Amino acid sequence: MDYSAIGLEFMTHVKTKDHWSMMKLHKQCFIASKGVDFLVKSGIAKDRHEAVIIGRELQLSKGLFDPVEGKNVLFQDKRLLFRFSSCSKRTTTDTTETGDNLPFASFVRHAAERRGTLSAEEVGRHARASIYAHEHNLDLKCLSVKELDELMPEENEVSDKVNDPFETAITPNDMRCLALVAHNHMKPAMKAFIEDHSEIIKKFRLTGTNTTMSMCKTLFGDDNPDVVYGPTCTSGPLGGDAQLCALMCLEDVGAIIFFMDPLSAHPHQADIDSLVRLANVHNIILCPNPATGHAAMWMFRNSLSSNRPEMIPSFFETLVSPCVPEYKAEQEAALAKVSGTRYVKKISL
């Protein structure tokens, strides 16, 4: 297989553009699954599995592209971002590189192939092991295939990816709704946020304003049996924020991911203020920007995967702000004064 020619075809047909991921805008990169699409549709690969193997060959041996997030990330059939490397033009046309001129992972990969007949999967695994060894300053030149293989930790040992699939005994209908709201200038960030945390978000019963819910149904599918949709509110300026306030008062909202635009004027500012105020009154989880939303996703994942609802109590029970008892006491005192009855302040022991 002529990987130099494939590399040139790949660079020509796989389009790059700016992508949002993990609260950052990454310039001129492509999504790995789109690269898999091209390799299959062009007939270069017979199926998506073979396309991944070819993509890893282009990444590791040819140095055609590099991962945007995490230097040890391998090409996969997932929404992972890659960027064509600055030396990709040279590596796709020059096939005479040998020895020390080869990229480190490629050098060890070819060394491993010379030690025995390995499947593409095994070679790829050894390439990942070489990267691991390079990170730990280990000399691989005299290692056997078995020793090289032992360097690679088990893939299912620890997951450090927030959006990896996981199982939970807690169902969406066991919990109150997760509300998703975004102002117009924040909608692209919300779309990227939903894509980056889809495995967690779809574990909840979802509600939100009209555009954001339409976005969810486009990404997940309107009839997806794995996704439970709650009420869809109208657009914010038309009363959607007020509807969410009502849902909170009816004790059916556990958290709100609300990407607010702090640089624009809003005709429904009073509704926005009411939504934020009532979220604090009812002591539910409120994430007003992507940074707090991302942090909350880790907490949600840990709670659901370990079946510990006490980590996110506002999804399961009615809470109130610590100032609510004092407010109620003042109300009772005011009522007693008007009605002429004596008010005795309750003291909690």
Foldseek 3Di string as FASTA:
>chain_A
DQLLVVLVVLVVPFFFAWADALNDIDGTKGFLLSSLVCCCVVPVDVHSVVSQLSQQCCCQFLVQKAWPPDRLDGRDNARTIIHGDPCNVVSSPDPPDDDPRTPQLNNVLVVQCVLDPDDSVLSSLLSSLSVLCVVVVHDDPPDHSVRSNVSRDDPVPDDPQLQDAFDFPDAQVQWFEEEEAEDPVCVSVLLNLCRSNVNLNQRHAYEYEAVSVVSVCVVQNPPNPSHHYDDYAYHVVVCRLVVVLVCVVVLRYQEYEYAYDPPDDDPNVVSVVSSVVSCQFQVHHYHHHSVSVVVVSSLSCVCGRVVPCVSRVSTNDTGGHPCVVVVVLVVVCVVCVVVVHDRDRDDDD
